[in-house]
């Protein structure tokens, strides 16, 4: 099912019109380096960059819901990870990174306050991050098997979605920099329209690339330099209209040359220093096909 225009929630892909989205104000209190493994951000800029990002989304026609900051949870600004929104309700996750384990409970409070139904939640020994999922359409969910998403997590999500006819395809992600670093599926893959994506090929599973080809999806490649500055984590607001972290001129030029409308936001502190791009900063609540 595709959410109807009068729905308040539901997403069936990653590229349809982003009508409603949830973000969280960043905290300025917490152990950014010691527990979050950030490069220490400038705290004033952290807040200002997030405010500018929110204003950009509003200017692009999104209804933006803003959750309050949670003192001490420095990663909680990355709202994409504690939950998977589906066409059938939200799935609350369990998070493998110890400092992030309280986040799903905080997320539940926000969803319940907004009246968003909860389809289910992961239970031990499962864990997963929302950054490891990509919806291609309402019947096709891709999930990265990584240090942040394990086999039990994938299987529990599969069982929750099985009654709705959703096919879940999992792809093993590489070791890269190990368990302490973050490498999500969306670190290497960002859909930007129904048949186009941005991909960092060196870390993309070969089977994933072959799967995209089988679906007729082509992609723009990202360099290693720009992958490290969130050039492969692109937020699509509607087909071929995207938000990109500033400072990635190579992929920006490729997208603009192909007719993609690119909107930049300055996110050196709120995005790059925490290894989270514009998609990571958002929890999509409602996407609608026009």
Protein backbone atom coordinates (compact mmCIF):
# COMPACT_ATOMS: atom_id res chain seq x y z
CA UNK A 1 0.00 0.00 0.00
CA UNK A 2 1.09 3.57 -0.71
CA UNK A 3 0.11 6.05 2.00
CA UNK A 4 -2.79 8.24 0.87
CA UNK A 5 -2.58 12.02 0.82
CA UNK A 6 -4.73 12.30 3.95
CA UNK A 7 -2.56 9.90 5.99
CA UNK A 8 -0.41 11.29 8.79
CA UNK A 9 2.25 8.63 8.53
CA UNK A 10 3.67 5.87 6.31
CA UNK A 11 6.59 5.52 3.91
CA UNK A 12 6.83 3.05 1.08
CA UNK A 13 10.10 4.17 -0.53
CA UNK A 14 12.94 6.65 -0.03
CA UNK A 15 12.18 9.09 -2.85
CA UNK A 16 8.49 10.02 -2.97
CA UNK A 17 7.42 13.46 -1.73
CA UNK A 18 8.66 13.85 1.85
CA UNK A 19 5.53 15.39 3.34
CA UNK A 20 6.22 14.94 7.06
CA UNK A 21 9.51 14.36 8.83
CA UNK A 22 10.79 14.12 12.40
CA UNK A 23 14.07 15.63 13.63
CA UNK A 24 15.59 16.03 17.09
CA UNK A 25 17.33 19.12 18.43
CA UNK A 26 20.94 18.18 19.21
CA UNK A 27 22.10 18.15 22.81
CA UNK A 28 25.15 20.19 23.75
CA UNK A 29 25.71 18.11 26.89
CA UNK A 30 27.40 14.74 26.55
CA UNK A 31 30.59 12.82 25.88
CA UNK A 32 30.86 13.46 22.15
CA UNK A 33 34.38 12.07 21.75
CA UNK A 34 34.64 9.56 24.60
CA UNK A 35 31.34 7.71 24.02
CA UNK A 36 29.92 9.02 20.76
CA UNK A 37 33.24 8.79 18.86
CA UNK A 38 32.59 12.15 17.21
CA UNK A 39 35.30 14.63 16.25
CA UNK A 40 34.52 17.30 18.81
CA UNK A 41 32.00 19.74 17.29
CA UNK A 42 31.67 23.43 17.97
CA UNK A 43 28.57 23.37 20.16
CA UNK A 44 27.16 26.72 19.03
CA UNK A 45 27.57 25.72 15.38
CA UNK A 46 26.04 22.31 16.10
CA UNK A 47 22.79 23.95 17.14
CA UNK A 48 22.80 26.58 14.40
CA UNK A 49 23.51 24.06 11.64
CA UNK A 50 20.63 21.88 12.79
CA UNK A 51 18.28 24.86 12.89
CA UNK A 52 19.30 25.84 9.35
CA UNK A 53 18.76 22.25 8.20
CA UNK A 54 15.25 22.26 9.66
CA UNK A 55 14.48 25.57 7.97
CA UNK A 56 15.73 24.19 4.65
CA UNK A 57 13.38 21.21 4.90
CA UNK A 58 10.45 23.53 5.65
CA UNK A 59 11.35 25.71 2.66
CA UNK A 60 11.19 22.58 0.48
CA UNK A 61 7.62 21.90 1.58
CA UNK A 62 8.18 19.41 4.40
CA UNK A 63 6.13 19.51 7.59
CA UNK A 64 8.88 19.22 10.19
CA UNK A 65 8.20 17.84 13.66
CA UNK A 66 10.95 18.75 16.14
CA UNK A 67 11.58 16.54 19.17
CA UNK A 68 13.38 17.97 22.17
CA UNK A 69 17.04 17.23 22.81
CA UNK A 70 17.96 14.50 25.30
CA UNK A 71 20.85 15.47 27.54
CA UNK A 72 23.76 13.08 27.26
CA UNK A 73 22.50 11.25 24.13
CA UNK A 74 24.77 12.92 21.60
CA UNK A 75 23.85 10.52 18.76
CA UNK A 76 20.11 11.01 19.26
CA UNK A 77 20.21 13.83 16.70
CA UNK A 78 20.53 11.05 14.10
CA UNK A 79 16.83 10.21 14.13
CA UNK A 80 16.97 7.78 11.24
CA UNK A 81 18.52 5.00 13.31
CA UNK A 82 16.19 4.04 16.23
CA UNK A 83 13.14 3.33 14.04
CA UNK A 84 12.01 2.03 10.65
CA UNK A 85 8.89 3.68 9.29
CA UNK A 86 6.80 1.37 7.10
CA UNK A 87 3.45 1.70 5.28
CA UNK A 88 1.99 -0.27 8.22
CA UNK A 89 3.39 1.51 11.28
CA UNK A 90 6.74 2.10 12.96
CA UNK A 91 9.21 -0.60 13.96
CA UNK A 92 11.28 0.35 17.01
CA UNK A 93 14.78 -1.08 16.94
CA UNK A 94 17.42 -2.21 19.46
CA UNK A 95 20.77 -0.49 19.00
CA UNK A 96 24.14 -2.21 19.24
CA UNK A 97 26.16 0.91 20.05
CA UNK A 98 25.99 1.01 23.86
CA UNK A 99 25.57 4.78 24.19
CA UNK A 100 22.55 4.63 21.84
CA UNK A 101 20.63 1.88 23.66
CA UNK A 102 18.23 4.34 25.41
CA UNK A 103 17.19 6.00 22.14
CA UNK A 104 14.33 3.69 21.02
CA UNK A 105 12.51 4.27 24.32
CA UNK A 106 12.85 8.02 23.81
CA UNK A 107 11.58 7.57 20.26
CA UNK A 108 8.53 5.65 21.49
CA UNK A 109 7.49 8.64 23.61
CA UNK A 110 7.56 10.92 20.57
CA UNK A 111 5.63 8.50 18.35
CA UNK A 112 2.97 7.91 20.97
CA UNK A 113 2.56 11.64 21.51
CA UNK A 114 2.04 12.12 17.76
CA UNK A 115 -0.30 9.16 17.43
CA UNK A 116 1.92 7.18 15.08
CA UNK A 117 1.09 3.45 15.41
CA UNK A 118 3.87 1.05 16.36
CA UNK A 119 3.91 -2.13 14.31
CA UNK A 120 6.44 -3.83 16.58
CA UNK A 121 9.84 -3.61 18.21
CA UNK A 122 12.96 -5.73 18.24
CA UNK A 123 13.67 -7.98 21.19
CA UNK A 124 16.89 -9.57 22.41
CA UNK A 125 19.11 -10.87 20.83
CA UNK A 126 18.15 -8.78 17.80
CA UNK A 127 19.64 -5.38 17.06
CA UNK A 128 19.46 -3.08 14.05
CA UNK A 129 19.97 0.53 12.97
CA UNK A 130 17.62 2.34 10.62
CA UNK A 131 20.62 3.49 8.60
CA UNK A 132 20.97 -0.10 7.40
CA UNK A 133 17.63 -0.06 5.58
CA UNK A 134 16.57 1.21 2.16
CA UNK A 135 12.99 0.98 0.89
CA UNK A 136 12.89 0.56 -2.89
CA UNK A 137 9.10 0.28 -2.96
CA UNK A 138 6.29 -0.85 -0.66
CA UNK A 139 7.11 -4.51 -1.30
CA UNK A 140 10.92 -4.34 -1.37
CA UNK A 141 13.11 -3.55 1.64
CA UNK A 142 16.90 -3.76 1.49
CA UNK A 143 18.83 -4.27 4.74
CA UNK A 144 22.54 -4.22 5.41
CA UNK A 145 23.94 -6.99 7.60
CA UNK A 146 26.56 -5.09 9.55
CA UNK A 147 28.12 -4.57 12.97
CA UNK A 148 24.98 -2.52 13.78
CA UNK A 149 22.37 -4.95 12.32
CA UNK A 150 22.57 -8.67 13.04
CA UNK A 151 20.87 -11.80 11.69
CA UNK A 152 18.27 -11.87 14.47
CA UNK A 153 17.36 -8.25 13.78
CA UNK A 154 16.93 -8.91 10.07
CA UNK A 155 14.75 -11.96 10.72
CA UNK A 156 12.52 -10.19 13.25
CA UNK A 157 11.96 -7.31 10.81
CA UNK A 158 11.25 -9.84 8.04
CA UNK A 159 8.60 -11.57 10.16
CA UNK A 160 6.90 -8.29 11.07
CA UNK A 161 6.59 -7.36 7.40
CA UNK A 162 5.82 -10.82 5.98
CA UNK A 163 2.01 -10.49 6.47
CA UNK A 164 2.07 -7.46 4.15
CA UNK A 165 3.89 -9.24 1.34
CA UNK A 166 7.16 -7.33 1.80
CA UNK A 167 10.28 -8.99 0.41
CA UNK A 168 13.36 -8.29 2.52
CA UNK A 169 16.76 -8.62 0.85
CA UNK A 170 19.86 -8.51 3.06
CA UNK A 171 23.40 -7.69 1.98
CA UNK A 172 26.59 -8.25 3.97
CA UNK A 173 28.55 -5.06 4.58
CA UNK A 174 32.36 -5.20 4.86
CA UNK A 175 34.47 -4.90 8.00
CA UNK A 176 35.88 -1.52 6.86
CA UNK A 177 37.13 0.17 10.08
CA UNK A 178 35.66 -2.41 12.45
CA UNK A 179 32.89 -2.65 15.06
CA UNK A 180 33.68 0.68 16.68
CA UNK A 181 33.14 2.65 13.47
CA UNK A 182 29.84 3.16 11.72
CA UNK A 183 29.19 1.73 8.27
CA UNK A 184 25.53 1.51 7.33
CA UNK A 185 23.90 0.48 4.07
CA UNK A 186 23.03 4.15 3.62
CA UNK A 187 26.71 5.02 3.99
CA UNK A 188 27.12 3.56 0.50
CA UNK A 189 23.65 3.83 -1.11
CA UNK A 190 21.15 6.68 -1.38
CA UNK A 191 18.22 6.48 -3.82
CA UNK A 192 17.49 9.84 -5.47
CA UNK A 193 14.65 8.83 -7.81
CA UNK A 194 12.75 5.68 -8.69
CA UNK A 195 15.54 4.60 -11.06
CA UNK A 196 18.65 6.47 -9.88
CA UNK A 197 20.88 6.41 -6.82
CA UNK A 198 24.16 7.69 -5.40
CA UNK A 199 26.63 4.89 -4.59
CA UNK A 200 30.08 4.57 -3.05
CA UNK A 201 31.16 1.54 -5.05
CA UNK A 202 34.30 0.37 -3.15
CA UNK A 203 32.30 -0.55 -0.03
CA UNK A 204 29.07 -1.54 -1.78
CA UNK A 205 28.41 -5.32 -1.80
CA UNK A 206 28.70 -6.71 -5.32
CA UNK A 207 25.40 -8.54 -4.86
CA UNK A 208 23.73 -5.24 -3.98
CA UNK A 209 24.99 -3.59 -7.16
CA UNK A 210 23.79 -6.52 -9.24
CA UNK A 211 20.40 -6.32 -7.51
CA UNK A 212 20.10 -2.61 -8.35
CA UNK A 213 20.96 -3.39 -11.97
CA UNK A 214 18.27 -6.07 -12.05
CA UNK A 215 15.75 -3.41 -11.00
CA UNK A 216 16.89 -0.99 -13.71
CA UNK A 217 18.50 1.39 -11.21
CA UNK A 218 21.57 3.31 -12.37
CA UNK A 219 23.81 5.33 -10.10
CA UNK A 220 26.23 8.22 -9.70
CA UNK A 221 29.54 7.24 -8.10
CA UNK A 222 31.07 8.99 -5.09
CA UNK A 223 34.80 9.31 -4.40
CA UNK A 224 36.40 8.09 -1.18
CA UNK A 225 37.14 11.67 -0.16
CA UNK A 226 33.49 12.67 -0.46
CA UNK A 227 32.15 9.48 1.11
CA UNK A 228 34.02 10.57 4.24
CA UNK A 229 32.23 13.95 4.17
CA UNK A 230 28.76 12.39 3.72
CA UNK A 231 28.67 12.73 -0.08
CA UNK A 232 26.99 9.33 -0.40
CA UNK A 233 24.37 10.02 2.29
CA UNK A 234 21.85 12.09 0.34
CA UNK A 235 18.33 12.97 1.48
CA UNK A 236 15.75 12.90 -1.30
CA UNK A 237 12.84 15.28 -0.74
CA UNK A 238 11.09 14.21 -3.92
CA UNK A 239 12.35 12.50 -7.08
CA UNK A 240 15.46 14.29 -8.35
CA UNK A 241 15.28 16.94 -5.60
CA UNK A 242 17.87 16.28 -2.91
CA UNK A 243 19.63 17.71 0.13
CA UNK A 244 23.40 17.26 0.19
CA UNK A 245 25.96 18.18 2.83
CA UNK A 246 28.04 21.10 1.57
CA UNK A 247 31.68 20.40 0.74
CA UNK A 248 31.11 17.60 -1.78
CA UNK A 249 31.59 19.38 -5.12
CA UNK A 250 32.30 16.29 -7.21
CA UNK A 251 29.01 14.50 -6.56
CA UNK A 252 27.19 17.84 -6.53
CA UNK A 253 28.43 18.57 -10.05
CA UNK A 254 27.46 15.09 -11.30
CA UNK A 255 23.94 15.46 -9.94
CA UNK A 256 23.41 18.98 -11.26
CA UNK A 257 24.73 17.96 -14.70
CA UNK A 258 22.08 15.23 -14.78
CA UNK A 259 19.31 17.71 -13.99
CA UNK A 260 18.99 16.88 -10.29
CA UNK A 261 17.96 19.82 -8.10
CA UNK A 262 20.54 19.99 -5.30
CA UNK A 263 20.08 21.92 -2.07
CA UNK A 264 23.16 22.28 0.15
CA UNK A 265 23.30 22.59 3.90
CA UNK A 266 26.36 23.41 5.97
CA UNK A 267 26.76 20.48 8.32
CA UNK A 268 30.41 20.24 9.23
CA UNK A 269 29.55 19.95 12.93
CA UNK A 270 26.11 18.32 13.07
CA UNK A 271 26.75 15.91 10.20
CA UNK A 272 30.38 15.31 9.24
CA UNK A 273 31.92 15.32 12.73
CA UNK A 274 29.41 12.72 13.91
CA UNK A 275 29.53 10.61 10.71
CA UNK A 276 25.89 11.23 9.88
CA UNK A 277 24.52 12.87 6.74
CA UNK A 278 21.21 14.60 5.98
CA UNK A 279 19.31 11.31 5.78
CA UNK A 280 20.66 10.31 9.20
CA UNK A 281 19.29 13.53 10.69
CA UNK A 282 15.71 12.70 9.66
CA UNK A 283 13.07 10.13 10.51
CA UNK A 284 10.60 10.16 7.61
CA UNK A 285 7.01 9.96 8.85
CA UNK A 286 5.10 10.37 5.59
CA UNK A 287 6.06 10.10 1.94
CA UNK A 288 3.40 10.52 -0.73
CA UNK A 289 3.49 9.75 -4.44
CA UNK A 290 2.09 12.64 -6.43
